[in-house]
Amino acid sequence: LVGTGLVSVAAIAGHDGSIWANTAGFNVTADEVKKLLAGFADPGPLRASGLFIAGEKYLVLKADDRSIYGKKGTGGVVTVKTGQSILIGIYNEKIQPGQCANVVEKLADYLIESSY
């Protein structure tokens, strides 16, 4: 994800909250992953109180059973749920939100096709 230059930092987590892979220094907690996972089924609490990723609060812009997008200042977050994992991609002011979303969504499609 980060290698594309269209994602600043990223993580891949299991539905149990365990972190499978992440950018060095990008510390997403198991509790944040579990709240994010719950948000795919019921986005109401995330919309009301915000989405927290690595201790940062994001305003939820889009939330459905596949993707949750959030914004903070000129940056934001793109999260996508697959069968076994959750992809989290953060973008900064130098990256267009749509570019980050495209990269994260395409990797999610690949993982879903590969039964992950």
N, C-alpha and C. Protein backbone atom coordinates (compact mmCIF):
# COMPACT_ATOMS: atom_id res chain seq x y z
N LEU A 1 0.82 -1.20 0.00
CA LEU A 1 0.00 0.00 0.00
C LEU A 1 0.86 1.26 0.00
N VAL A 2 1.79 1.33 0.96
CA VAL A 2 2.65 2.51 1.07
C VAL A 2 3.59 2.62 -0.12
N GLY A 3 3.98 1.48 -0.66
CA GLY A 3 4.90 1.45 -1.79
C GLY A 3 4.38 2.15 -3.03
N THR A 4 3.06 2.32 -3.13
CA THR A 4 2.48 2.99 -4.29
C THR A 4 2.74 4.50 -4.26
N GLY A 5 3.05 5.04 -3.07
CA GLY A 5 3.20 6.48 -2.92
C GLY A 5 1.87 7.19 -2.77
N LEU A 6 0.78 6.43 -2.77
CA LEU A 6 -0.56 7.01 -2.67
C LEU A 6 -1.22 6.74 -1.32
N VAL A 7 -0.44 6.16 -0.41
CA VAL A 7 -0.88 5.91 0.97
C VAL A 7 0.30 6.31 1.86
N SER A 8 0.05 7.14 2.88
CA SER A 8 1.13 7.61 3.75
C SER A 8 1.61 6.51 4.69
N VAL A 9 0.67 5.93 5.43
CA VAL A 9 0.94 4.81 6.33
C VAL A 9 -0.23 3.86 6.24
N ALA A 10 0.00 2.59 6.60
CA ALA A 10 -1.06 1.60 6.44
C ALA A 10 -0.91 0.47 7.45
N ALA A 11 -2.00 -0.27 7.60
CA ALA A 11 -2.00 -1.47 8.43
C ALA A 11 -3.01 -2.46 7.85
N ILE A 12 -2.75 -3.72 8.12
CA ILE A 12 -3.70 -4.78 7.81
C ILE A 12 -3.92 -5.53 9.11
N ALA A 13 -5.18 -5.67 9.49
CA ALA A 13 -5.52 -6.31 10.75
C ALA A 13 -6.51 -7.44 10.52
N GLY A 14 -6.50 -8.41 11.42
CA GLY A 14 -7.49 -9.48 11.39
C GLY A 14 -8.77 -9.02 12.07
N HIS A 15 -9.84 -9.74 11.83
CA HIS A 15 -11.11 -9.39 12.45
C HIS A 15 -11.07 -9.54 13.97
N ASP A 16 -10.06 -10.25 14.49
CA ASP A 16 -9.91 -10.40 15.94
C ASP A 16 -9.15 -9.24 16.58
N GLY A 17 -8.73 -8.28 15.76
CA GLY A 17 -8.00 -7.12 16.26
C GLY A 17 -6.49 -7.25 16.17
N SER A 18 -5.99 -8.43 15.82
CA SER A 18 -4.55 -8.61 15.71
C SER A 18 -4.02 -7.88 14.47
N ILE A 19 -2.86 -7.28 14.59
CA ILE A 19 -2.25 -6.56 13.47
C ILE A 19 -1.38 -7.53 12.68
N TRP A 20 -1.72 -7.71 11.41
CA TRP A 20 -0.96 -8.62 10.55
C TRP A 20 0.26 -7.93 9.96
N ALA A 21 0.13 -6.66 9.62
CA ALA A 21 1.22 -5.89 9.03
C ALA A 21 0.93 -4.42 9.22
N ASN A 22 1.97 -3.61 9.40
CA ASN A 22 1.77 -2.16 9.53
C ASN A 22 3.05 -1.42 9.22
N THR A 23 2.88 -0.16 8.87
CA THR A 23 4.02 0.73 8.66
C THR A 23 4.68 0.97 10.01
N ALA A 24 5.99 0.98 10.04
CA ALA A 24 6.72 1.23 11.29
C ALA A 24 6.24 2.53 11.93
N GLY A 25 5.93 2.47 13.22
CA GLY A 25 5.48 3.65 13.94
C GLY A 25 4.00 3.93 13.84
N PHE A 26 3.28 3.18 13.02
CA PHE A 26 1.84 3.35 12.87
C PHE A 26 1.17 2.30 13.76
N ASN A 27 0.80 2.71 14.96
CA ASN A 27 0.37 1.78 15.99
C ASN A 27 -1.14 1.79 16.18
N VAL A 28 -1.81 0.96 15.43
CA VAL A 28 -3.25 0.78 15.55
C VAL A 28 -3.48 -0.24 16.66
N THR A 29 -4.41 0.05 17.57
CA THR A 29 -4.66 -0.87 18.68
C THR A 29 -5.75 -1.88 18.34
N ALA A 30 -5.75 -2.99 19.06
CA ALA A 30 -6.78 -4.02 18.86
C ALA A 30 -8.16 -3.45 19.16
N ASP A 31 -8.26 -2.58 20.16
CA ASP A 31 -9.54 -1.97 20.51
C ASP A 31 -10.05 -1.09 19.36
N GLU A 32 -9.14 -0.33 18.74
CA GLU A 32 -9.54 0.50 17.59
C GLU A 32 -10.04 -0.37 16.44
N VAL A 33 -9.36 -1.49 16.20
CA VAL A 33 -9.77 -2.40 15.12
C VAL A 33 -11.15 -2.99 15.42
N LYS A 34 -11.38 -3.39 16.67
CA LYS A 34 -12.68 -3.97 17.04
C LYS A 34 -13.81 -2.96 16.89
N LYS A 35 -13.57 -1.70 17.28
CA LYS A 35 -14.59 -0.66 17.11
C LYS A 35 -14.83 -0.38 15.63
N LEU A 36 -13.76 -0.39 14.85
CA LEU A 36 -13.88 -0.21 13.41
C LEU A 36 -14.71 -1.34 12.81
N LEU A 37 -14.40 -2.57 13.18
CA LEU A 37 -15.13 -3.73 12.68
C LEU A 37 -16.62 -3.63 13.02
N ALA A 38 -16.94 -3.20 14.24
CA ALA A 38 -18.34 -3.01 14.64
C ALA A 38 -19.01 -1.94 13.78
N GLY A 39 -18.23 -0.94 13.36
CA GLY A 39 -18.76 0.14 12.54
C GLY A 39 -19.21 -0.28 11.16
N PHE A 40 -18.68 -1.39 10.65
CA PHE A 40 -19.13 -1.88 9.35
C PHE A 40 -20.57 -2.38 9.45
N ALA A 41 -20.94 -2.94 10.59
CA ALA A 41 -22.30 -3.44 10.80
C ALA A 41 -23.25 -2.33 11.24
N ASP A 42 -22.75 -1.42 12.11
CA ASP A 42 -23.56 -0.32 12.63
C ASP A 42 -22.70 0.93 12.72
N PRO A 43 -22.71 1.77 11.68
CA PRO A 43 -21.84 2.95 11.67
C PRO A 43 -22.29 4.08 12.59
N GLY A 44 -23.46 3.97 13.20
CA GLY A 44 -23.99 5.04 14.04
C GLY A 44 -23.01 5.55 15.10
N PRO A 45 -22.43 4.68 15.92
CA PRO A 45 -21.48 5.16 16.94
C PRO A 45 -20.25 5.86 16.35
N LEU A 46 -19.75 5.37 15.22
CA LEU A 46 -18.59 6.02 14.59
C LEU A 46 -18.97 7.40 14.05
N ARG A 47 -20.15 7.49 13.47
CA ARG A 47 -20.61 8.78 12.96
C ARG A 47 -20.79 9.77 14.11
N ALA A 48 -21.25 9.29 15.25
CA ALA A 48 -21.52 10.17 16.40
C ALA A 48 -20.25 10.63 17.11
N SER A 49 -19.32 9.68 17.34
CA SER A 49 -18.15 10.02 18.16
C SER A 49 -16.83 10.04 17.40
N GLY A 50 -16.85 9.67 16.12
CA GLY A 50 -15.64 9.69 15.32
C GLY A 50 -14.97 8.33 15.27
N LEU A 51 -14.09 8.20 14.30
CA LEU A 51 -13.31 6.98 14.10
C LEU A 51 -11.91 7.24 14.62
N PHE A 52 -11.43 6.40 15.52
CA PHE A 52 -10.09 6.55 16.07
C PHE A 52 -9.17 5.49 15.47
N ILE A 53 -8.08 5.95 14.87
CA ILE A 53 -7.07 5.08 14.29
C ILE A 53 -5.71 5.58 14.77
N ALA A 54 -4.95 4.71 15.42
CA ALA A 54 -3.63 5.05 15.96
C ALA A 54 -3.71 6.31 16.83
N GLY A 55 -4.78 6.42 17.60
CA GLY A 55 -4.95 7.53 18.53
C GLY A 55 -5.44 8.83 17.91
N GLU A 56 -5.63 8.85 16.60
CA GLU A 56 -6.10 10.06 15.91
C GLU A 56 -7.58 9.93 15.61
N LYS A 57 -8.32 11.03 15.78
CA LYS A 57 -9.76 11.02 15.54
C LYS A 57 -10.06 11.53 14.13
N TYR A 58 -10.91 10.78 13.42
CA TYR A 58 -11.34 11.13 12.07
C TYR A 58 -12.85 11.29 12.03
N LEU A 59 -13.31 12.28 11.28
CA LEU A 59 -14.73 12.49 11.03
C LEU A 59 -15.15 11.50 9.95
N VAL A 60 -16.16 10.70 10.22
CA VAL A 60 -16.62 9.69 9.26
C VAL A 60 -17.40 10.35 8.13
N LEU A 61 -16.94 10.13 6.90
CA LEU A 61 -17.58 10.68 5.71
C LEU A 61 -18.47 9.66 5.01
N LYS A 62 -18.03 8.42 5.01
CA LYS A 62 -18.75 7.34 4.32
C LYS A 62 -18.64 6.09 5.17
N ALA A 63 -19.73 5.39 5.33
CA ALA A 63 -19.68 4.14 6.08
C ALA A 63 -20.74 3.17 5.54
N ASP A 64 -20.29 1.99 5.13
CA ASP A 64 -21.20 0.93 4.73
C ASP A 64 -20.60 -0.39 5.16
N ASP A 65 -21.15 -1.51 4.70
CA ASP A 65 -20.67 -2.81 5.17
C ASP A 65 -19.34 -3.23 4.54
N ARG A 66 -18.81 -2.45 3.61
CA ARG A 66 -17.51 -2.75 3.00
C ARG A 66 -16.45 -1.71 3.36
N SER A 67 -16.78 -0.42 3.30
CA SER A 67 -15.79 0.64 3.44
C SER A 67 -16.22 1.71 4.43
N ILE A 68 -15.24 2.24 5.15
CA ILE A 68 -15.45 3.40 6.01
C ILE A 68 -14.34 4.39 5.70
N TYR A 69 -14.74 5.61 5.33
CA TYR A 69 -13.78 6.67 5.00
C TYR A 69 -13.92 7.77 6.05
N GLY A 70 -12.78 8.35 6.42
CA GLY A 70 -12.80 9.43 7.39
C GLY A 70 -11.85 10.54 6.98
N LYS A 71 -12.03 11.71 7.59
CA LYS A 71 -11.23 12.89 7.26
C LYS A 71 -10.76 13.56 8.54
N LYS A 72 -9.53 14.06 8.48
CA LYS A 72 -8.98 14.88 9.56
C LYS A 72 -8.11 15.95 8.91
N GLY A 73 -8.55 17.19 9.00
CA GLY A 73 -7.80 18.26 8.35
C GLY A 73 -7.73 18.04 6.86
N THR A 74 -6.51 18.08 6.31
CA THR A 74 -6.33 17.88 4.87
C THR A 74 -6.00 16.43 4.54
N GLY A 75 -5.97 15.57 5.52
CA GLY A 75 -5.70 14.15 5.31
C GLY A 75 -6.92 13.32 5.65
N GLY A 76 -6.72 12.01 5.67
CA GLY A 76 -7.84 11.16 6.01
C GLY A 76 -7.46 9.70 6.07
N VAL A 77 -8.49 8.86 6.19
CA VAL A 77 -8.31 7.42 6.31
C VAL A 77 -9.30 6.71 5.41
N VAL A 78 -8.84 5.60 4.83
CA VAL A 78 -9.69 4.71 4.03
C VAL A 78 -9.56 3.33 4.67
N THR A 79 -10.68 2.74 5.05
CA THR A 79 -10.67 1.39 5.61
C THR A 79 -11.61 0.51 4.80
N VAL A 80 -11.18 -0.72 4.56
CA VAL A 80 -12.00 -1.66 3.80
C VAL A 80 -11.95 -3.02 4.49
N LYS A 81 -13.12 -3.63 4.61
CA LYS A 81 -13.24 -4.94 5.25
C LYS A 81 -13.26 -6.02 4.18
N THR A 82 -12.47 -7.06 4.39
CA THR A 82 -12.50 -8.24 3.53
C THR A 82 -13.03 -9.40 4.37
N GLY A 83 -13.00 -10.60 3.83
CA GLY A 83 -13.52 -11.76 4.55
C GLY A 83 -12.83 -12.03 5.87
N GLN A 84 -11.51 -11.81 5.93
CA GLN A 84 -10.75 -12.11 7.14
C GLN A 84 -9.98 -10.92 7.70
N SER A 85 -9.92 -9.82 6.95
CA SER A 85 -9.05 -8.71 7.37
C SER A 85 -9.71 -7.35 7.20
N ILE A 86 -9.04 -6.36 7.75
CA ILE A 86 -9.42 -4.96 7.55
C ILE A 86 -8.18 -4.23 7.08
N LEU A 87 -8.29 -3.53 5.97
CA LEU A 87 -7.20 -2.72 5.45
C LEU A 87 -7.40 -1.28 5.92
N ILE A 88 -6.33 -0.66 6.37
CA ILE A 88 -6.39 0.72 6.83
C ILE A 88 -5.30 1.50 6.10
N GLY A 89 -5.70 2.52 5.37
CA GLY A 89 -4.75 3.37 4.66
C GLY A 89 -4.96 4.82 5.05
N ILE A 90 -3.89 5.51 5.42
CA ILE A 90 -3.94 6.92 5.79
C ILE A 90 -3.30 7.73 4.67
N TYR A 91 -3.92 8.85 4.32
CA TYR A 91 -3.32 9.74 3.32
C TYR A 91 -3.12 11.12 3.94
N ASN A 92 -2.10 11.82 3.43
CA ASN A 92 -1.82 13.18 3.93
C ASN A 92 -2.23 14.21 2.89
N GLU A 93 -1.90 15.46 3.16
CA GLU A 93 -2.32 16.57 2.28
C GLU A 93 -1.71 16.49 0.88
N LYS A 94 -0.67 15.71 0.68
CA LYS A 94 -0.03 15.61 -0.62
C LYS A 94 -0.67 14.55 -1.52
N ILE A 95 -1.60 13.78 -0.96
CA ILE A 95 -2.23 12.68 -1.68
C ILE A 95 -3.72 12.96 -1.84
N GLN A 96 -4.23 12.76 -3.04
CA GLN A 96 -5.66 12.94 -3.29
C GLN A 96 -6.43 11.79 -2.62
N PRO A 97 -7.53 12.09 -1.93
CA PRO A 97 -8.30 11.04 -1.27
C PRO A 97 -8.72 9.90 -2.21
N GLY A 98 -9.13 10.25 -3.41
CA GLY A 98 -9.55 9.24 -4.37
C GLY A 98 -8.45 8.29 -4.77
N GLN A 99 -7.22 8.80 -4.85
CA GLN A 99 -6.08 7.94 -5.19
C GLN A 99 -5.83 6.92 -4.09
N CYS A 100 -5.86 7.36 -2.84
CA CYS A 100 -5.67 6.46 -1.71
C CYS A 100 -6.79 5.42 -1.68
N ALA A 101 -8.03 5.88 -1.84
CA ALA A 101 -9.18 4.97 -1.81
C ALA A 101 -9.05 3.91 -2.91
N ASN A 102 -8.63 4.31 -4.09
CA ASN A 102 -8.50 3.38 -5.20
C ASN A 102 -7.49 2.28 -4.88
N VAL A 103 -6.35 2.65 -4.32
CA VAL A 103 -5.30 1.68 -3.99
C VAL A 103 -5.79 0.69 -2.92
N VAL A 104 -6.40 1.22 -1.86
CA VAL A 104 -6.86 0.36 -0.76
C VAL A 104 -8.00 -0.54 -1.23
N GLU A 105 -8.93 0.00 -1.99
CA GLU A 105 -10.07 -0.79 -2.48
C GLU A 105 -9.60 -1.90 -3.44
N LYS A 106 -8.61 -1.60 -4.29
CA LYS A 106 -8.12 -2.61 -5.22
C LYS A 106 -7.41 -3.75 -4.50
N LEU A 107 -6.63 -3.41 -3.46
CA LEU A 107 -5.99 -4.47 -2.68
C LEU A 107 -7.06 -5.31 -1.98
N ALA A 108 -8.09 -4.66 -1.47
CA ALA A 108 -9.19 -5.40 -0.83
C ALA A 108 -9.84 -6.35 -1.83
N ASP A 109 -10.08 -5.89 -3.05
CA ASP A 109 -10.66 -6.75 -4.08
C ASP A 109 -9.78 -7.98 -4.31
N TYR A 110 -8.47 -7.78 -4.38
CA TYR A 110 -7.53 -8.88 -4.59
C TYR A 110 -7.61 -9.87 -3.42
N LEU A 111 -7.63 -9.34 -2.18
CA LEU A 111 -7.70 -10.22 -1.01
C LEU A 111 -9.02 -10.99 -0.97
N ILE A 112 -10.11 -10.34 -1.33
CA ILE A 112 -11.41 -11.01 -1.35
C ILE A 112 -11.41 -12.13 -2.38
N GLU A 113 -10.83 -11.86 -3.56
CA GLU A 113 -10.72 -12.90 -4.60
C GLU A 113 -9.84 -14.06 -4.15
N SER A 114 -8.88 -13.77 -3.24
CA SER A 114 -7.96 -14.80 -2.73
C SER A 114 -8.47 -15.41 -1.42
N SER A 115 -9.72 -15.15 -1.09
CA SER A 115 -10.39 -15.68 0.12
C SER A 115 -9.79 -15.17 1.43
N TYR A 116 -9.26 -13.96 1.42
CA TYR A 116 -8.82 -13.30 2.65
C TYR A 116 -9.75 -12.17 2.95
